[in-house]
Protein backbone atom coordinates (compact mmCIF):
# COMPACT_ATOMS: atom_id res chain seq x y z
CA MET A 1 0.00 0.00 0.00
CA SER A 2 1.85 3.03 -1.21
CA GLU A 3 1.07 6.49 0.09
CA LYS A 4 0.66 7.39 -3.60
CA GLN A 5 -2.27 5.01 -3.83
CA SER A 6 -5.48 6.98 -3.89
CA PRO A 7 -8.21 6.42 -1.29
CA VAL A 8 -10.45 5.23 -4.12
CA ALA A 9 -7.93 2.58 -5.15
CA PHE A 10 -7.43 1.51 -1.55
CA ARG A 11 -11.18 1.18 -1.03
CA ALA A 12 -11.43 -0.92 -4.18
CA GLY A 13 -8.79 -3.30 -2.81
CA ALA A 14 -10.52 -3.56 0.56
CA ASP A 15 -13.90 -4.10 -1.12
CA LEU A 16 -12.42 -6.95 -3.15
CA ALA A 17 -10.94 -8.45 0.02
CA LEU A 18 -14.34 -8.20 1.66
CA ALA A 19 -16.05 -9.95 -1.25
CA GLU A 20 -13.55 -12.81 -1.01
CA MET A 21 -14.09 -13.04 2.76
CA ARG A 22 -17.72 -13.92 2.28
CA ALA A 23 -16.54 -17.47 1.61
CA LEU A 24 -15.52 -17.59 5.29
CA PHE A 25 -18.16 -15.64 7.21
CA GLU A 26 -21.11 -13.28 6.95
CA PRO A 27 -20.77 -9.58 7.85
CA THR A 28 -20.50 -8.91 11.55
CA PRO A 29 -23.48 -6.95 12.88
CA LEU A 30 -23.60 -3.20 13.32
CA GLN A 31 -25.99 -3.12 16.27
CA LEU A 32 -27.79 -0.12 17.72
CA ASN A 33 -27.31 -0.65 21.45
CA ASP A 34 -30.39 0.56 23.31
CA HIS A 35 -28.75 0.47 26.75
CA LEU A 36 -25.75 2.59 25.79
CA SER A 37 -27.82 4.89 23.59
CA ALA A 38 -30.16 5.68 26.47
CA ARG A 39 -27.26 6.08 28.89
CA PHE A 40 -25.46 8.66 26.74
CA GLY A 41 -28.43 10.26 24.96
CA ALA A 42 -26.93 9.26 21.62
CA GLN A 43 -27.23 6.66 18.88
CA ILE A 44 -24.52 4.18 19.87
CA ARG A 45 -23.86 1.41 17.37
CA LEU A 46 -21.45 -1.42 18.06
CA LYS A 47 -19.51 -3.04 15.22
CA ARG A 48 -19.39 -6.54 16.66
CA GLU A 49 -16.05 -7.99 15.58
CA ASP A 50 -16.30 -10.32 18.56
CA LEU A 51 -18.80 -12.28 16.43
CA THR A 52 -16.44 -13.42 13.64
CA PRO A 53 -15.70 -17.18 13.58
CA VAL A 54 -12.55 -16.57 15.67
CA ARG A 55 -14.19 -13.86 17.85
CA SER A 56 -11.96 -11.04 16.63
CA TYR A 57 -11.27 -8.93 13.54
CA LYS A 58 -7.81 -10.50 13.12
CA ILE A 59 -9.19 -13.13 10.76
CA ARG A 60 -9.67 -10.39 8.15
CA GLY A 61 -6.03 -9.37 7.88
CA ALA A 62 -4.69 -12.91 8.06
CA PHE A 63 -7.11 -14.06 5.36
CA ASN A 64 -6.22 -11.18 3.04
CA PHE A 65 -2.49 -11.65 3.56
CA ILE A 66 -2.59 -15.36 2.64
CA ARG A 67 -5.07 -14.78 -0.22
CA LYS A 68 -2.87 -12.19 -1.91
CA ALA A 69 0.30 -14.18 -1.30
CA LEU A 70 -1.27 -17.17 -3.07
CA ASP A 71 -2.48 -14.92 -5.89
CA ARG A 72 1.14 -13.93 -6.47
CA ASN A 73 2.51 -17.45 -6.01
CA PRO A 74 -0.08 -20.26 -6.00
CA GLU A 75 2.60 -22.81 -5.13
CA LEU A 76 3.47 -21.34 -1.73
CA PRO A 77 3.32 -24.34 0.61
CA LEU A 78 4.11 -22.93 4.06
CA PHE A 79 3.22 -19.91 6.20
CA VAL A 80 4.35 -18.94 9.67
CA CYS A 81 3.31 -16.47 12.37
CA ALA A 82 4.22 -15.57 15.94
CA SER A 83 1.31 -14.79 18.22
CA ALA A 84 -0.13 -15.72 21.58
CA GLY A 85 -3.61 -14.48 20.80
CA ASN A 86 -6.11 -13.43 18.16
CA HIS A 87 -3.69 -13.21 15.23
CA ALA A 88 -2.74 -16.86 15.72
CA GLN A 89 -6.38 -17.92 15.65
CA GLY A 90 -7.22 -15.90 12.55
CA PHE A 91 -4.06 -17.19 10.86
CA ALA A 92 -4.94 -20.80 11.70
CA TYR A 93 -8.48 -20.40 10.36
CA ALA A 94 -7.21 -18.89 7.11
CA CYS A 95 -4.59 -21.62 6.64
CA ARG A 96 -7.27 -24.28 6.94
CA HIS A 97 -9.51 -22.41 4.49
CA PHE A 98 -6.78 -22.24 1.85
CA GLY A 99 -5.49 -25.74 2.58
CA ARG A 100 -1.98 -24.50 3.33
CA ARG A 101 0.30 -25.62 6.12
CA GLY A 102 1.00 -23.04 8.81
CA VAL A 103 3.35 -23.01 11.78
CA VAL A 104 2.38 -20.90 14.78
CA PHE A 105 5.06 -19.89 17.27
CA MET A 106 3.74 -19.13 20.75
CA PRO A 107 5.54 -18.33 24.01
CA VAL A 108 5.74 -21.22 26.46
CA THR A 109 3.68 -19.09 28.87
CA THR A 110 0.65 -18.97 26.53
CA PRO A 111 -2.54 -20.13 28.33
CA GLN A 112 -3.65 -23.59 27.28
CA GLN A 113 -7.05 -22.25 26.21
CA LYS A 114 -5.44 -20.12 23.48
CA ILE A 115 -3.28 -23.01 22.30
CA ASP A 116 -6.30 -25.32 22.09
CA LYS A 117 -8.42 -22.78 20.19
CA THR A 118 -5.65 -22.13 17.66
CA ARG A 119 -5.26 -25.86 17.11
CA MET A 120 -9.04 -26.25 16.75
CA PHE A 121 -9.31 -23.49 14.13
CA GLY A 122 -6.37 -24.78 12.08
CA GLY A 123 -6.95 -28.51 12.39
CA GLU A 124 -4.51 -30.68 10.49
CA PHE A 125 -3.00 -27.69 8.68
CA ILE A 126 -1.49 -26.07 11.80
CA GLU A 127 1.56 -26.94 13.84
CA ILE A 128 2.11 -25.10 17.12
CA ARG A 129 5.60 -24.57 18.51
CA LEU A 130 6.00 -23.23 22.05
CA THR A 131 9.21 -21.24 22.24
CA GLY A 132 10.62 -18.85 24.86
CA ASP A 133 9.08 -17.21 27.90
CA PHE A 134 8.61 -13.83 26.20
CA PHE A 135 7.11 -12.77 22.89
CA ASP A 136 10.33 -11.20 21.55
CA ILE A 137 12.11 -14.56 21.85
CA CYS A 138 9.17 -16.32 20.23
CA TYR A 139 9.05 -13.80 17.37
CA ALA A 140 12.77 -14.15 16.69
CA ALA A 141 12.39 -17.95 16.57
CA ALA A 142 9.56 -17.61 14.05
CA GLN A 143 11.66 -15.34 11.85
CA ALA A 144 14.59 -17.75 11.97
CA PHE A 145 12.32 -20.66 11.06
CA ALA A 146 10.78 -18.73 8.16
CA ALA A 147 14.22 -17.95 6.74
CA GLU A 148 15.43 -21.53 7.14
CA ALA A 149 12.30 -23.28 5.88
CA GLY A 150 11.44 -20.83 3.11
CA ALA A 151 8.10 -20.04 4.78
CA LEU A 152 6.25 -16.74 4.39
CA MET A 153 5.84 -14.83 7.65
CA ALA A 154 2.41 -13.31 8.27
CA PRO A 155 2.89 -10.24 10.50
CA PRO A 156 0.15 -9.25 12.96
CA PHE A 157 -0.34 -5.65 11.75
CA ASP A 158 2.63 -4.06 9.95
CA HIS A 159 1.92 -5.05 6.34
CA GLU A 160 -0.10 -3.47 3.54
CA ASP A 161 -2.18 -6.62 2.94
CA ILE A 162 -2.98 -6.94 6.65
CA ILE A 163 -4.08 -3.30 6.79
CA GLU A 164 -6.19 -3.73 3.65
CA GLY A 165 -7.88 -6.77 5.18
CA GLN A 166 -8.67 -4.97 8.42
CA ALA A 167 -10.14 -2.10 6.40
CA SER A 168 -12.99 -4.43 5.45
CA VAL A 169 -14.49 -3.67 8.88
CA MET A 170 -15.23 -0.15 7.63
CA ALA A 171 -16.37 -1.42 4.24
CA GLU A 172 -19.08 -3.37 6.05
CA MET A 173 -19.93 -0.44 8.29
CA VAL A 174 -20.50 1.86 5.31
CA GLU A 175 -22.92 -0.68 3.83
CA GLN A 176 -24.73 -1.14 7.15
CA MET A 177 -25.23 2.49 8.20
CA PRO A 178 -28.86 3.57 7.73
CA ASP A 179 -29.68 5.78 4.74
CA GLY A 180 -26.02 6.02 3.74
CA GLU A 181 -25.22 8.42 6.59
CA MET A 182 -21.79 8.53 8.21
CA PRO A 183 -21.30 8.55 11.99
CA ASP A 184 -20.47 11.73 13.87
CA LEU A 185 -17.85 9.77 15.78
CA ILE A 186 -15.96 6.54 15.04
CA VAL A 187 -14.18 5.00 18.03
CA LEU A 188 -11.37 2.54 17.29
CA PRO A 189 -9.05 0.60 19.59
CA VAL A 190 -5.33 0.74 18.79
CA GLY A 191 -2.65 -1.86 19.39
CA GLY A 192 -0.17 -2.24 16.56
CA GLY A 193 -2.36 0.00 14.39
CA GLY A 194 -3.52 -2.33 11.61
CA LEU A 195 -7.24 -1.88 12.27
CA SER A 196 -7.16 1.87 12.89
CA ALA A 197 -4.88 2.48 9.89
CA GLY A 198 -7.14 0.43 7.62
CA ALA A 199 -10.20 2.28 8.89
CA ALA A 200 -8.63 5.72 8.46
CA ARG A 201 -7.40 4.90 4.95
CA TYR A 202 -10.71 3.41 3.85
CA LEU A 203 -12.77 6.38 5.07
CA GLU A 204 -10.37 9.04 3.80
CA GLY A 205 -12.42 11.45 1.72
CA LEU A 206 -15.67 10.03 3.12
CA VAL A 207 -15.36 11.02 6.78
CA GLU A 208 -13.54 14.06 8.18
CA SER A 209 -10.45 13.26 10.24
CA ASP A 210 -11.83 14.96 13.34
CA ARG A 211 -14.62 12.37 13.52
CA PHE A 212 -12.14 9.68 14.53
CA LEU A 213 -11.33 8.91 18.15
CA LEU A 214 -8.60 6.34 18.79
CA CYS A 215 -8.03 4.65 22.13
CA GLU A 216 -5.14 2.87 23.80
CA PRO A 217 -4.65 1.31 27.24
CA SER A 218 -2.89 3.67 29.64
CA GLY A 219 -0.14 1.11 30.12
CA ALA A 220 0.80 1.03 26.43
CA PRO A 221 0.25 4.45 24.77
CA SER A 222 2.60 3.88 21.84
CA LEU A 223 0.53 5.81 19.26
CA ARG A 224 -0.17 8.75 21.57
CA GLN A 225 3.49 9.17 22.46
CA SER A 226 4.56 8.74 18.84
CA LEU A 227 2.16 11.46 17.69
CA GLU A 228 3.42 13.76 20.43
CA ALA A 229 7.02 13.13 19.36
CA GLY A 230 6.31 13.35 15.63
CA GLN A 231 7.95 9.97 15.05
CA ARG A 232 7.57 6.36 16.16
CA VAL A 233 8.45 5.86 19.81
CA LYS A 234 9.23 2.48 21.35
CA LEU A 235 8.03 2.32 24.93
CA GLY A 236 10.54 1.08 27.45
CA LYS A 237 7.87 -0.60 29.57
CA ILE A 238 4.27 -1.61 28.99
CA ASP A 239 1.44 -3.09 31.04
CA ASN A 240 0.39 -6.34 29.37
CA PHE A 241 -3.03 -6.59 31.03
CA VAL A 242 -4.83 -5.46 27.85
CA ASP A 243 -2.92 -8.12 25.93
CA GLY A 244 -4.70 -7.57 22.62
CA ALA A 245 -3.62 -3.91 22.47
CA ALA A 246 -0.49 -3.73 24.62
CA VAL A 247 2.14 -3.00 21.97
CA ALA A 248 5.46 -1.30 22.73
CA GLU A 249 5.76 0.30 19.28
CA ILE A 250 3.11 1.23 16.73
CA GLY A 251 3.69 -0.39 13.33
CA ALA A 252 5.70 1.56 10.76
CA LEU A 253 3.07 1.43 8.00
CA PRO A 254 0.16 2.14 10.35
CA PHE A 255 2.00 5.15 11.77
CA GLU A 256 2.52 6.61 8.28
CA ILE A 257 -1.26 6.60 7.92
CA LEU A 258 -2.16 7.62 11.47
CA LYS A 259 0.37 10.42 11.85
CA ARG A 260 -2.12 12.89 10.38
CA PHE A 261 -4.17 12.66 13.57
CA ARG A 262 -3.62 14.99 16.52
CA PRO A 263 -2.35 13.50 19.79
CA GLU A 264 -5.60 14.70 21.40
CA GLN A 265 -7.50 12.29 19.16
CA VAL A 266 -5.93 9.37 21.01
CA MET A 267 -7.45 8.74 24.44
CA THR A 268 -5.73 6.48 26.94
CA VAL A 269 -7.90 4.35 29.20
CA PRO A 270 -6.83 2.99 32.61
CA GLU A 271 -6.75 -0.79 32.73
CA ASN A 272 -9.08 -0.87 35.74
CA ALA A 273 -11.63 1.27 33.88
CA ILE A 274 -11.60 -1.29 31.07
CA CYS A 275 -12.38 -3.99 33.64
CA LEU A 276 -15.39 -2.01 34.84
CA THR A 277 -16.66 -1.83 31.25
CA MET A 278 -16.16 -5.59 30.81
CA THR A 279 -18.15 -6.47 33.91
CA SER A 280 -20.86 -3.93 33.06
CA MET A 281 -21.35 -5.29 29.52
CA LEU A 282 -21.38 -8.86 30.82
CA ASN A 283 -23.94 -8.11 33.52
CA THR A 284 -26.25 -5.79 31.57
CA GLU A 285 -25.93 -7.01 27.97
CA GLY A 286 -24.59 -10.56 28.30
CA ILE A 287 -21.70 -9.59 25.99
CA VAL A 288 -18.35 -11.23 26.71
CA LEU A 289 -15.46 -8.91 25.84
CA GLU A 290 -11.73 -9.29 26.13
CA PRO A 291 -9.89 -6.26 27.57
CA ALA A 292 -8.92 -4.91 24.13
CA GLY A 293 -12.50 -5.45 22.94
CA ALA A 294 -13.80 -3.21 25.72
CA LEU A 295 -11.43 -0.33 24.96
CA SER A 296 -13.75 1.64 22.69
CA LEU A 297 -16.68 1.31 25.10
CA SER A 298 -14.53 2.48 28.01
CA VAL A 299 -13.83 5.65 26.04
CA LEU A 300 -17.56 6.29 25.83
CA GLU A 301 -17.71 6.15 29.63
CA ALA A 302 -14.84 8.64 29.84
CA LEU A 303 -16.54 11.06 27.43
CA GLY A 304 -19.94 10.87 29.13
CA PRO A 305 -23.33 12.19 27.99
CA GLU A 306 -22.14 15.81 27.90
CA LYS A 307 -19.87 15.05 24.93
CA LEU A 308 -21.94 12.35 23.24
CA ALA A 309 -25.53 13.56 23.52
CA GLY A 310 -27.32 13.76 20.18
CA LYS A 311 -24.47 12.17 18.23
CA SER A 312 -24.34 9.12 15.99
CA VAL A 313 -21.46 6.96 17.25
CA VAL A 314 -19.91 3.73 15.98
CA ALA A 315 -17.63 1.92 18.41
CA VAL A 316 -15.66 -1.05 17.10
CA VAL A 317 -15.73 -3.98 19.51
CA SER A 318 -12.55 -5.68 18.39
CA GLY A 319 -12.71 -9.04 20.15
CA GLY A 320 -14.30 -11.35 22.70
CA ASN A 321 -11.64 -13.98 23.39
CA PHE A 322 -11.79 -13.78 27.16
CA ASP A 323 -10.34 -16.44 29.43
CA PHE A 324 -12.81 -16.73 32.32
CA GLU A 325 -10.01 -17.76 34.64
CA ARG A 326 -9.16 -14.04 34.58
CA LEU A 327 -12.65 -13.04 35.78
CA PRO A 328 -11.77 -12.72 39.50
CA ASP A 329 -8.94 -10.33 38.63
CA VAL A 330 -11.22 -8.34 36.30
CA LYS A 331 -13.93 -8.04 38.98
CA GLU A 332 -11.34 -6.99 41.56
CA ARG A 333 -9.96 -4.27 39.29
CA ALA A 334 -13.47 -3.10 38.34
CA MET A 335 -14.53 -2.64 41.96
CA ARG A 336 -11.37 -0.74 42.78
CA HIS A 337 -11.91 1.59 39.81
CA ALA A 338 -15.54 2.14 40.80
CA GLY A 339 -14.37 3.16 44.29
CA MET A 340 -16.25 0.32 45.96
CA LYS A 341 -13.22 -1.62 47.19
CA LYS A 342 -10.15 -0.40 49.01
CA TYR A 343 -7.16 -1.91 50.74
CA PHE A 344 -5.54 -0.53 53.86
CA VAL A 345 -2.57 -1.32 56.01
CA LEU A 346 -3.45 -0.30 59.54
CA ARG A 347 -1.98 -0.66 63.02
CA LEU A 348 -4.18 -2.13 65.73
CA ALA A 349 -3.37 -2.22 69.41
CA GLN A 350 -2.51 -5.69 70.67
CA ARG A 351 -5.13 -5.79 73.41
CA PRO A 352 -8.41 -7.59 74.07
CA GLY A 353 -11.31 -5.88 72.35
CA ALA A 354 -9.22 -3.92 69.80
CA LEU A 355 -10.62 -5.85 66.85
CA LYS A 356 -14.17 -5.51 68.17
CA ASP A 357 -13.69 -1.75 68.47
CA PHE A 358 -12.48 -1.61 64.89
CA LEU A 359 -15.42 -3.64 63.57
CA SER A 360 -17.82 -1.21 65.24
CA LEU A 361 -16.53 1.50 62.88
CA LEU A 362 -17.87 -0.31 59.79
CA GLY A 363 -21.20 0.74 58.30
CA PRO A 364 -24.10 -1.56 57.36
CA ASP A 365 -22.96 -1.75 53.71
CA ASP A 366 -19.27 -2.33 54.48
CA ASP A 367 -17.85 -5.83 54.21
CA ILE A 368 -14.39 -7.17 55.04
CA ALA A 369 -13.12 -9.02 51.97
CA ARG A 370 -9.62 -9.70 53.29
CA PHE A 371 -7.98 -9.65 56.72
CA GLU A 372 -4.39 -10.64 57.30
CA TYR A 373 -1.78 -9.96 59.96
CA LEU A 374 1.40 -8.71 58.31
CA LYS A 375 3.50 -8.49 61.48
CA LYS A 376 2.59 -10.94 64.19
CA SER A 377 5.56 -10.46 66.55
CA ALA A 378 4.82 -6.88 67.61
CA ARG A 379 4.06 -6.47 71.32
CA ASN A 380 2.00 -3.30 71.43
CA PHE A 381 0.66 -2.89 67.89
CA GLY A 382 0.12 -5.24 64.98
CA SER A 383 0.15 -4.39 61.26
CA ILE A 384 -2.88 -5.63 59.38
CA LEU A 385 -3.79 -5.80 55.69
CA ILE A 386 -7.51 -5.32 55.28
CA GLY A 387 -9.67 -5.20 52.17
CA ILE A 388 -13.09 -3.58 52.45
CA GLU A 389 -15.94 -3.71 49.94
CA THR A 390 -18.93 -1.41 50.06
CA LYS A 391 -22.02 -0.70 47.96
CA ALA A 392 -21.32 2.96 47.18
CA PRO A 393 -18.04 4.93 46.90
CA GLU A 394 -19.29 7.64 49.27
CA ASN A 395 -19.38 5.10 52.10
CA PHE A 396 -15.60 5.34 52.28
CA VAL A 397 -15.82 9.05 53.09
CA ARG A 398 -17.75 8.21 56.24
CA LEU A 399 -15.50 5.24 57.04
CA LEU A 400 -12.25 7.20 56.77
CA ALA A 401 -13.73 9.93 58.95
CA ALA A 402 -14.51 7.23 61.55
CA PHE A 403 -10.92 5.93 61.29
CA ASP A 404 -9.58 9.42 61.93
CA ALA A 405 -11.94 10.07 64.83
CA ALA A 406 -10.83 6.81 66.45
CA GLY A 407 -7.17 7.78 66.08
CA LEU A 408 -6.31 4.81 63.88
CA SER A 409 -2.99 4.77 62.07
CA TYR A 410 -3.66 3.58 58.51
CA GLN A 411 -2.49 3.86 54.92
CA ASP A 412 -4.66 3.45 51.82
CA ILE A 413 -2.65 1.25 49.43
CA THR A 414 -5.39 0.70 46.83
CA GLU A 415 -3.63 2.75 44.14
CA ASN A 416 -0.09 1.90 45.21
CA GLU A 417 0.98 -0.17 42.21
CA ILE A 418 4.05 -1.73 43.81
CA LEU A 419 2.33 -2.78 47.03
CA SER A 420 -0.82 -3.87 45.22
CA ASN A 421 1.13 -6.16 42.91
CA LEU A 422 3.07 -7.66 45.81
CA ILE A 423 0.26 -8.07 48.34
CA ILE A 424 -3.09 -8.01 46.55
């Protein structure tokens, strides 16, 4: 995809890719969500990429990459990719569709559920190799194998055919919007940038640039920092919780397309806020989202009705491959973000009745979720870790006032990242 290629030519390529994809799956729905629309006083439509056969949009890019590679060389026998998530599953599905052998490199630490799903989608055409504890090691092993075996490497986002394939999400959206109208706001999650770059390129000339809002997890703002610097920036450290969008460096080709956006058009979302969105959508709508899939909806919460009222909004829900073994952690993070759960280290006198006196400070909606002595050898005072849940954030205002009135020595460690990771 050359920058000299016109938007019309790019759209034609993406439309052709979309037509070919119909052999694999029907269009994903563009659903008007009544709950969110009423909440924000807007028309909120969700582009449900969590409803593809592999529960993410990644199948589109992988399919298009292999399709075009075989168009150029029908005799290509072997493909390879490195991925611990949605790209691996889309790649495996596409390999089986085209009847081509594929080798998927995954870190040894990949959850068994993701390994099993990749194997299920690829069947006899896929071989999985577990290599290295970290993705960088795994990726290097995949590159070495591709060079040695003469296999073609399918990158997760930084390739023109991948970007063109992901652009088919917008091709479907244009067809599905009522009366040919365009949204006032299009909200897109960003990881490596393949989806957002494809969307921006496809809609160039159809939708003004200021109608786009891109979103990244706060722990991996590679696009935001790159736009601020005017060049690609590789982050020295990232938070991997939002694994589908936690990328240390935006792709080179995607950045060439996305660099026309202002840094202010990229919103970063705290990981705990994403967890609150996940639990809310599960409880109210019965929609299972992975952390990256909830990114665009978390942005809506951050904007609120005052900025969304009366607007037509499309939010791309990028994926729903959620491992339910992570649910306790997600619920924990969601409650902390909502202000309904806090952790304290406090010092209690080592005397009869001290614990009873402390319990009398709790209100009727306060519940002790965790209680643990941290220092048991102290004579006069003992250090205690305590976790408290309540039904409304304002209850903690009253509780902390009661702590102060009782002369308790305490420290709120809820937002202390180092202590939280070690203790909680």
